[in-house]
PDB file of N, CA and C in Angstrom:
ATOM      1  N   MET A   1      41.103   4.053 -22.372  1.00  0.00           N
ATOM      2  CA  MET A   1      40.286   4.899 -22.126  1.00  0.00           C
ATOM      3  C   MET A   1      39.074   4.009 -22.444  1.00  0.00           C
ATOM      4  N   GLU A   2      37.897   4.014 -21.259  1.00  0.00           N
ATOM      5  CA  GLU A   2      36.606   3.513 -21.225  1.00  0.00           C
ATOM      6  C   GLU A   2      36.294   4.933 -21.613  1.00  0.00           C
ATOM      7  N   VAL A   3      34.603   4.531 -22.624  1.00  0.00           N
ATOM      8  CA  VAL A   3      33.946   5.375 -23.032  1.00  0.00           C
ATOM      9  C   VAL A   3      32.635   5.371 -22.773  1.00  0.00           C
ATOM     10  N   ASP A   4      31.789   6.071 -22.541  1.00  0.00           N
ATOM     11  CA  ASP A   4      30.179   5.774 -22.701  1.00  0.00           C
ATOM     12  C   ASP A   4      29.830   6.004 -24.128  1.00  0.00           C
ATOM     13  N   CYS A   5      30.196   6.720 -24.949  1.00  0.00           N
ATOM     14  CA  CYS A   5      29.875   6.831 -26.322  1.00  0.00           C
ATOM     15  C   CYS A   5      30.971   6.898 -27.646  1.00  0.00           C
ATOM     16  N   LEU A   6      31.263   6.083 -28.620  1.00  0.00           N
ATOM     17  CA  LEU A   6      31.595   6.357 -29.492  1.00  0.00           C
ATOM     18  C   LEU A   6      31.120   6.827 -30.681  1.00  0.00           C
ATOM     19  N   ILE A   7      31.781   7.767 -31.544  1.00  0.00           N
ATOM     20  CA  ILE A   7      30.790   8.582 -32.554  1.00  0.00           C
ATOM     21  C   ILE A   7      32.215   8.496 -33.445  1.00  0.00           C
ATOM     22  N   LEU A   8      31.678   8.109 -34.730  1.00  0.00           N
ATOM     23  CA  LEU A   8      32.420   8.101 -35.898  1.00  0.00           C
ATOM     24  C   LEU A   8      32.170   9.162 -36.882  1.00  0.00           C
ATOM     25  N   GLY A   9      32.925   9.812 -37.044  1.00  0.00           N
ATOM     26  CA  GLY A   9      32.894  11.279 -38.050  1.00  0.00           C
ATOM     27  C   GLY A   9      32.918  12.263 -36.654  1.00  0.00           C
ATOM     28  N   ALA A  10      33.767  13.421 -37.534  1.00  0.00           N
ATOM     29  CA  ALA A  10      34.207  14.648 -36.602  1.00  0.00           C
ATOM     30  C   ALA A  10      33.687  15.962 -37.171  1.00  0.00           C
ATOM     31  N   GLY A  11      32.651  15.596 -38.108  1.00  0.00           N
ATOM     32  CA  GLY A  11      32.291  16.706 -38.760  1.00  0.00           C
ATOM     33  C   GLY A  11      31.198  17.505 -38.094  1.00  0.00           C
ATOM     34  N   ILE A  12      30.281  18.450 -38.396  1.00  0.00           N
ATOM     35  CA  ILE A  12      29.535  19.045 -37.721  1.00  0.00           C
ATOM     36  C   ILE A  12      28.475  18.559 -36.667  1.00  0.00           C
ATOM     37  N   ALA A  13      27.982  17.140 -37.353  1.00  0.00           N
ATOM     38  CA  ALA A  13      27.002  16.425 -36.842  1.00  0.00           C
ATOM     39  C   ALA A  13      27.658  15.691 -35.650  1.00  0.00           C
ATOM     40  N   GLY A  14      28.701  15.151 -36.277  1.00  0.00           N
ATOM     41  CA  GLY A  14      29.215  14.449 -34.882  1.00  0.00           C
ATOM     42  C   GLY A  14      29.783  15.191 -33.710  1.00  0.00           C
ATOM     43  N   LEU A  15      30.227  16.504 -33.935  1.00  0.00           N
ATOM     44  CA  LEU A  15      30.823  17.476 -32.911  1.00  0.00           C
ATOM     45  C   LEU A  15      29.041  17.932 -32.161  1.00  0.00           C
ATOM     46  N   ALA A  16      28.529  18.008 -32.915  1.00  0.00           N
ATOM     47  CA  ALA A  16      27.081  18.547 -32.368  1.00  0.00           C
ATOM     48  C   ALA A  16      26.420  17.167 -31.724  1.00  0.00           C
ATOM     49  N   ALA A  17      26.924  16.206 -31.925  1.00  0.00           N
ATOM     50  CA  ALA A  17      26.264  14.748 -30.920  1.00  0.00           C
ATOM     51  C   ALA A  17      26.991  14.767 -29.884  1.00  0.00           C
ATOM     52  N   GLY A  18      28.765  14.989 -29.989  1.00  0.00           N
ATOM     53  CA  GLY A  18      29.561  14.578 -28.833  1.00  0.00           C
ATOM     54  C   GLY A  18      29.197  15.891 -27.652  1.00  0.00           C
ATOM     55  N   ARG A  19      29.020  17.276 -28.067  1.00  0.00           N
ATOM     56  CA  ARG A  19      28.782  18.208 -27.194  1.00  0.00           C
ATOM     57  C   ARG A  19      27.208  17.843 -26.735  1.00  0.00           C
ATOM     58  N   GLU A  20      26.232  17.258 -27.086  1.00  0.00           N
ATOM     59  CA  GLU A  20      25.117  17.215 -26.262  1.00  0.00           C
ATOM     60  C   GLU A  20      25.216  16.119 -25.509  1.00  0.00           C
ATOM     61  N   LEU A  21      26.067  14.990 -25.914  1.00  0.00           N
ATOM     62  CA  LEU A  21      26.298  13.932 -25.137  1.00  0.00           C
ATOM     63  C   LEU A  21      26.778  14.298 -23.890  1.00  0.00           C
ATOM     64  N   GLN A  22      28.019  15.050 -23.926  1.00  0.00           N
ATOM     65  CA  GLN A  22      28.573  15.345 -23.143  1.00  0.00           C
ATOM     66  C   GLN A  22      27.587  16.338 -21.458  1.00  0.00           C
ATOM     67  N   ARG A  23      27.034  17.008 -22.538  1.00  0.00           N
ATOM     68  CA  ARG A  23      26.091  17.897 -21.750  1.00  0.00           C
ATOM     69  C   ARG A  23      25.357  17.204 -20.433  1.00  0.00           C
ATOM     70  N   MET A  24      24.917  15.814 -21.120  1.00  0.00           N
ATOM     71  CA  MET A  24      24.316  14.665 -20.547  1.00  0.00           C
ATOM     72  C   MET A  24      24.799  14.121 -19.434  1.00  0.00           C
ATOM     73  N   GLY A  25      26.310  14.527 -19.432  1.00  0.00           N
ATOM     74  CA  GLY A  25      27.246  13.642 -18.533  1.00  0.00           C
ATOM     75  C   GLY A  25      27.749  12.847 -19.020  1.00  0.00           C
ATOM     76  N   LEU A  26      27.688  12.483 -20.134  1.00  0.00           N
ATOM     77  CA  LEU A  26      28.413  10.906 -20.919  1.00  0.00           C
ATOM     78  C   LEU A  26      29.911  11.089 -21.239  1.00  0.00           C
ATOM     79  N   SER A  27      30.651   9.985 -21.170  1.00  0.00           N
ATOM     80  CA  SER A  27      32.163  10.611 -21.926  1.00  0.00           C
ATOM     81  C   SER A  27      31.798  10.209 -22.984  1.00  0.00           C
ATOM     82  N   VAL A  28      32.793  10.751 -24.107  1.00  0.00           N
ATOM     83  CA  VAL A  28      32.675  10.845 -25.584  1.00  0.00           C
ATOM     84  C   VAL A  28      33.908  10.840 -26.103  1.00  0.00           C
ATOM     85  N   ARG A  29      33.697   9.772 -27.108  1.00  0.00           N
ATOM     86  CA  ARG A  29      35.262   9.902 -27.955  1.00  0.00           C
ATOM     87  C   ARG A  29      34.721  10.032 -29.541  1.00  0.00           C
ATOM     88  N   LEU A  30      35.163  10.848 -30.090  1.00  0.00           N
ATOM     89  CA  LEU A  30      35.292  10.888 -31.504  1.00  0.00           C
ATOM     90  C   LEU A  30      36.422  10.527 -32.441  1.00  0.00           C
ATOM     91  N   VAL A  31      35.966   9.856 -33.447  1.00  0.00           N
ATOM     92  CA  VAL A  31      36.997   9.798 -34.202  1.00  0.00           C
ATOM     93  C   VAL A  31      36.649   9.907 -35.686  1.00  0.00           C
ATOM     94  N   ASP A  32      37.590  10.082 -36.315  1.00  0.00           N
ATOM     95  CA  ASP A  32      37.524  10.566 -37.980  1.00  0.00           C
ATOM     96  C   ASP A  32      38.640  10.358 -38.779  1.00  0.00           C
ATOM     97  N   LYS A  33      38.617  10.126 -39.886  1.00  0.00           N
ATOM     98  CA  LYS A  33      39.439   9.435 -41.126  1.00  0.00           C
ATOM     99  C   LYS A  33      40.281  10.820 -41.446  1.00  0.00           C
ATOM    100  N   ALA A  34      40.499  12.465 -41.047  1.00  0.00           N
ATOM    101  CA  ALA A  34      40.844  13.298 -41.466  1.00  0.00           C
ATOM    102  C   ALA A  34      41.886  13.465 -40.227  1.00  0.00           C
ATOM    103  N   ARG A  35      42.717  14.408 -40.119  1.00  0.00           N
ATOM    104  CA  ARG A  35      44.037  14.449 -39.563  1.00  0.00           C
ATOM    105  C   ARG A  35      42.947  15.309 -37.953  1.00  0.00           C
ATOM    106  N   GLY A  36      42.177  15.726 -38.438  1.00  0.00           N
ATOM    107  CA  GLY A  36      41.614  16.889 -37.351  1.00  0.00           C
ATOM    108  C   GLY A  36      39.999  16.815 -37.545  1.00  0.00           C
ATOM    109  N   PRO A  37      39.215  17.481 -36.744  1.00  0.00           N
ATOM    110  CA  PRO A  37      37.795  17.767 -36.556  1.00  0.00           C
ATOM    111  C   PRO A  37      37.665  18.880 -37.580  1.00  0.00           C
ATOM    112  N   GLY A  38      35.904  18.744 -38.016  1.00  0.00           N
ATOM    113  CA  GLY A  38      35.514  19.536 -38.693  1.00  0.00           C
ATOM    114  C   GLY A  38      35.127  19.434 -39.768  1.00  0.00           C
ATOM    115  N   GLY A  39      35.391  18.214 -40.531  1.00  0.00           N
ATOM    116  CA  GLY A  39      34.642  17.618 -41.794  1.00  0.00           C
ATOM    117  C   GLY A  39      34.441  19.133 -42.626  1.00  0.00           C
ATOM    118  N   ARG A  40      33.283  19.208 -43.384  1.00  0.00           N
ATOM    119  CA  ARG A  40      33.273  20.130 -44.468  1.00  0.00           C
ATOM    120  C   ARG A  40      33.208  21.892 -43.801  1.00  0.00           C
ATOM    121  N   MET A  41      33.429  21.638 -42.445  1.00  0.00           N
ATOM    122  CA  MET A  41      33.704  23.026 -41.597  1.00  0.00           C
ATOM    123  C   MET A  41      35.120  23.329 -41.754  1.00  0.00           C
ATOM    124  N   SER A  42      36.274  22.414 -42.217  1.00  0.00           N
ATOM    125  CA  SER A  42      37.368  22.601 -41.884  1.00  0.00           C
ATOM    126  C   SER A  42      38.125  23.254 -42.916  1.00  0.00           C
ATOM    127  N   THR A  43      39.553  23.726 -42.690  1.00  0.00           N
ATOM    128  CA  THR A  43      40.426  24.171 -43.636  1.00  0.00           C
ATOM    129  C   THR A  43      41.645  23.363 -44.523  1.00  0.00           C
ATOM    130  N   ARG A  44      41.872  23.472 -44.955  1.00  0.00           N
ATOM    131  CA  ARG A  44      42.930  22.517 -45.872  1.00  0.00           C
ATOM    132  C   ARG A  44      43.724  23.795 -46.347  1.00  0.00           C
ATOM    133  N   ARG A  45      44.908  23.294 -46.328  1.00  0.00           N
ATOM    134  CA  ARG A  45      46.163  24.171 -46.760  1.00  0.00           C
ATOM    135  C   ARG A  45      46.880  23.241 -48.259  1.00  0.00           C
ATOM    136  N   LEU A  46      47.106  23.837 -48.771  1.00  0.00           N
ATOM    137  CA  LEU A  46      47.387  23.698 -50.347  1.00  0.00           C
ATOM    138  C   LEU A  46      48.798  25.066 -50.763  1.00  0.00           C
ATOM    139  N   ASN A  47      49.568  24.181 -50.978  1.00  0.00           N
ATOM    140  CA  ASN A  47      50.747  25.026 -51.456  1.00  0.00           C
ATOM    141  C   ASN A  47      50.717  26.148 -50.747  1.00  0.00           C
ATOM    142  N   GLY A  48      50.763  26.174 -49.322  1.00  0.00           N
ATOM    143  CA  GLY A  48      50.801  27.211 -48.701  1.00  0.00           C
ATOM    144  C   GLY A  48      49.855  28.369 -48.270  1.00  0.00           C
ATOM    145  N   ALA A  49      48.444  28.008 -49.471  1.00  0.00           N
ATOM    146  CA  ALA A  49      47.395  28.932 -49.239  1.00  0.00           C
ATOM    147  C   ALA A  49      46.444  27.674 -48.150  1.00  0.00           C
ATOM    148  N   ARG A  50      45.295  28.729 -47.351  1.00  0.00           N
ATOM    149  CA  ARG A  50      44.564  28.173 -46.523  1.00  0.00           C
ATOM    150  C   ARG A  50      43.291  28.090 -47.136  1.00  0.00           C
ATOM    151  N   ILE A  51      42.738  27.254 -47.432  1.00  0.00           N
ATOM    152  CA  ILE A  51      40.889  27.015 -48.226  1.00  0.00           C
ATOM    153  C   ILE A  51      40.163  26.734 -47.363  1.00  0.00           C
ATOM    154  N   ASP A  52      39.032  27.085 -47.365  1.00  0.00           N
ATOM    155  CA  ASP A  52      37.869  26.747 -46.838  1.00  0.00           C
ATOM    156  C   ASP A  52      37.335  25.572 -47.204  1.00  0.00           C
ATOM    157  N   HIS A  53      37.232  24.777 -46.943  1.00  0.00           N
ATOM    158  CA  HIS A  53      36.607  23.298 -47.756  1.00  0.00           C
ATOM    159  C   HIS A  53      34.711  23.319 -46.884  1.00  0.00           C
ATOM    160  N   GLY A  54      33.943  23.269 -48.167  1.00  0.00           N
ATOM    161  CA  GLY A  54      32.403  23.100 -47.460  1.00  0.00           C
ATOM    162  C   GLY A  54      32.363  24.478 -48.035  1.00  0.00           C
ATOM    163  N   ALA A  55      30.866  24.439 -47.055  1.00  0.00           N
ATOM    164  CA  ALA A  55      29.687  25.922 -47.010  1.00  0.00           C
ATOM    165  C   ALA A  55      30.771  26.724 -46.432  1.00  0.00           C
ATOM    166  N   GLN A  56      30.734  27.832 -46.919  1.00  0.00           N
ATOM    167  CA  GLN A  56      31.449  29.144 -46.660  1.00  0.00           C
ATOM    168  C   GLN A  56      30.119  30.025 -45.826  1.00  0.00           C
ATOM    169  N   PHE A  57      28.842  29.662 -45.744  1.00  0.00           N
ATOM    170  CA  PHE A  57      27.602  30.688 -44.783  1.00  0.00           C
ATOM    171  C   PHE A  57      27.055  29.214 -44.289  1.00  0.00           C
ATOM    172  N   VAL A  58      26.316  29.579 -43.410  1.00  0.00           N
ATOM    173  CA  VAL A  58      24.843  29.071 -42.915  1.00  0.00           C
ATOM    174  C   VAL A  58      24.066  29.498 -42.555  1.00  0.00           C
ATOM    175  N   THR A  59      22.884  29.484 -42.480  1.00  0.00           N
ATOM    176  CA  THR A  59      21.576  30.005 -42.373  1.00  0.00           C
ATOM    177  C   THR A  59      21.120  29.260 -40.608  1.00  0.00           C
ATOM    178  N   VAL A  60      20.555  29.895 -39.836  1.00  0.00           N
ATOM    179  CA  VAL A  60      20.220  29.845 -38.323  1.00  0.00           C
ATOM    180  C   VAL A  60      18.778  30.035 -38.514  1.00  0.00           C
ATOM    181  N   ARG A  61      18.487  28.737 -38.502  1.00  0.00           N
ATOM    182  CA  ARG A  61      16.807  28.812 -38.360  1.00  0.00           C
ATOM    183  C   ARG A  61      15.984  28.074 -37.099  1.00  0.00           C
ATOM    184  N   ASP A  62      17.216  27.295 -36.533  1.00  0.00           N
ATOM    185  CA  ASP A  62      16.946  26.395 -35.225  1.00  0.00           C
ATOM    186  C   ASP A  62      17.353  27.129 -33.693  1.00  0.00           C
ATOM    187  N   LEU A  63      16.510  27.358 -32.766  1.00  0.00           N
ATOM    188  CA  LEU A  63      17.097  28.043 -31.529  1.00  0.00           C
ATOM    189  C   LEU A  63      18.306  27.452 -30.614  1.00  0.00           C
ATOM    190  N   ARG A  64      18.800  25.932 -31.209  1.00  0.00           N
ATOM    191  CA  ARG A  64      19.132  25.266 -30.589  1.00  0.00           C
ATOM    192  C   ARG A  64      20.963  25.877 -31.204  1.00  0.00           C
ATOM    193  N   PHE A  65      20.596  25.488 -32.373  1.00  0.00           N
ATOM    194  CA  PHE A  65      21.602  25.715 -33.282  1.00  0.00           C
ATOM    195  C   PHE A  65      22.090  27.252 -33.014  1.00  0.00           C
ATOM    196  N   ARG A  66      21.122  28.185 -32.786  1.00  0.00           N
ATOM    197  CA  ARG A  66      21.395  29.946 -32.598  1.00  0.00           C
ATOM    198  C   ARG A  66      22.186  29.696 -31.344  1.00  0.00           C
ATOM    199  N   ALA A  67      21.861  28.808 -30.194  1.00  0.00           N
ATOM    200  CA  ALA A  67      22.839  29.476 -28.927  1.00  0.00           C
ATOM    201  C   ALA A  67      24.195  28.676 -29.512  1.00  0.00           C
ATOM    202  N   VAL A  68      24.457  27.291 -30.596  1.00  0.00           N
ATOM    203  CA  VAL A  68      25.595  27.258 -30.793  1.00  0.00           C
ATOM    204  C   VAL A  68      26.570  27.965 -31.472  1.00  0.00           C
ATOM    205  N   MET A  69      25.590  28.588 -32.476  1.00  0.00           N
ATOM    206  CA  MET A  69      26.306  29.863 -33.365  1.00  0.00           C
ATOM    207  C   MET A  69      26.511  31.126 -32.467  1.00  0.00           C
ATOM    208  N   ASP A  70      25.772  31.416 -31.658  1.00  0.00           N
ATOM    209  CA  ASP A  70      25.889  32.923 -30.569  1.00  0.00           C
ATOM    210  C   ASP A  70      27.391  32.396 -29.899  1.00  0.00           C
ATOM    211  N   GLU A  71      27.728  31.088 -29.438  1.00  0.00           N
ATOM    212  CA  GLU A  71      29.144  30.743 -29.060  1.00  0.00           C
ATOM    213  C   GLU A  71      30.075  31.284 -29.560  1.00  0.00           C
ATOM    214  N   TRP A  72      29.910  30.517 -30.709  1.00  0.00           N
ATOM    215  CA  TRP A  72      31.087  30.505 -32.171  1.00  0.00           C
ATOM    216  C   TRP A  72      31.122  31.931 -32.205  1.00  0.00           C
ATOM    217  N   LEU A  73      29.878  33.104 -32.569  1.00  0.00           N
ATOM    218  CA  LEU A  73      30.409  34.168 -33.019  1.00  0.00           C
ATOM    219  C   LEU A  73      31.039  34.859 -31.693  1.00  0.00           C
ATOM    220  N   GLU A  74      31.046  34.707 -30.430  1.00  0.00           N
ATOM    221  CA  GLU A  74      31.440  35.317 -29.151  1.00  0.00           C
ATOM    222  C   GLU A  74      32.584  34.691 -29.308  1.00  0.00           C
ATOM    223  N   ALA A  75      33.186  33.651 -29.113  1.00  0.00           N
ATOM    224  CA  ALA A  75      34.432  33.261 -29.360  1.00  0.00           C
ATOM    225  C   ALA A  75      35.515  33.901 -30.730  1.00  0.00           C
ATOM    226  N   GLY A  76      34.751  33.966 -31.921  1.00  0.00           N
ATOM    227  CA  GLY A  76      35.645  34.572 -33.136  1.00  0.00           C
ATOM    228  C   GLY A  76      36.007  33.632 -33.951  1.00  0.00           C
ATOM    229  N   THR A  77      35.119  32.489 -33.574  1.00  0.00           N
ATOM    230  CA  THR A  77      35.289  31.427 -34.522  1.00  0.00           C
ATOM    231  C   THR A  77      34.095  31.460 -35.951  1.00  0.00           C
ATOM    232  N   ALA A  78      33.269  32.193 -35.980  1.00  0.00           N
ATOM    233  CA  ALA A  78      32.328  32.347 -36.911  1.00  0.00           C
ATOM    234  C   ALA A  78      32.139  33.799 -36.939  1.00  0.00           C
ATOM    235  N   LYS A  79      31.718  34.521 -38.349  1.00  0.00           N
ATOM    236  CA  LYS A  79      31.933  35.792 -38.419  1.00  0.00           C
ATOM    237  C   LYS A  79      30.136  36.058 -39.275  1.00  0.00           C
ATOM    238  N   VAL A  80      29.457  37.199 -38.564  1.00  0.00           N
ATOM    239  CA  VAL A  80      28.024  37.740 -39.303  1.00  0.00           C
ATOM    240  C   VAL A  80      28.299  37.786 -41.022  1.00  0.00           C
ATOM    241  N   TRP A  81      27.935  37.162 -41.547  1.00  0.00           N
ATOM    242  CA  TRP A  81      28.226  37.577 -43.403  1.00  0.00           C
ATOM    243  C   TRP A  81      26.842  38.708 -43.511  1.00  0.00           C
ATOM    244  N   SER A  82      25.998  38.426 -43.437  1.00  0.00           N
ATOM    245  CA  SER A  82      24.516  39.076 -43.911  1.00  0.00           C
ATOM    246  C   SER A  82      23.536  38.875 -43.087  1.00  0.00           C
ATOM    247  N   TYR A  83      22.628  39.913 -42.463  1.00  0.00           N
ATOM    248  CA  TYR A  83      21.343  39.485 -41.973  1.00  0.00           C
ATOM    249  C   TYR A  83      20.249  39.652 -42.785  1.00  0.00           C
ATOM    250  N   GLY A  84      20.556  39.425 -44.018  1.00  0.00           N
ATOM    251  CA  GLY A  84      19.437  38.989 -44.792  1.00  0.00           C
ATOM    252  C   GLY A  84      19.748  40.182 -46.238  1.00  0.00           C
ATOM    253  N   PHE A  85      19.105  39.987 -46.941  1.00  0.00           N
ATOM    254  CA  PHE A  85      18.764  40.627 -48.388  1.00  0.00           C
ATOM    255  C   PHE A  85      17.597  41.721 -48.817  1.00  0.00           C
TER     256      PHE A  85
END
């Protein structure tokens, strides 16, 4: 399969780059050394338990990231932990 862009690493930066490039009309392929995408956002399984790997929360300070986070919240992929202290 021929693609316009090849992105090495399917963590948050690679996924965000792929998303933006697709929105620009380019075909994208992401590859990663892990079995699936997510990088430090992914969930690992260890002895039957599910363990979040990496950051447990994020802070939204950029309007572009706010739009992405709003989509995640709507899809149930993310949840609000706190609106501040």
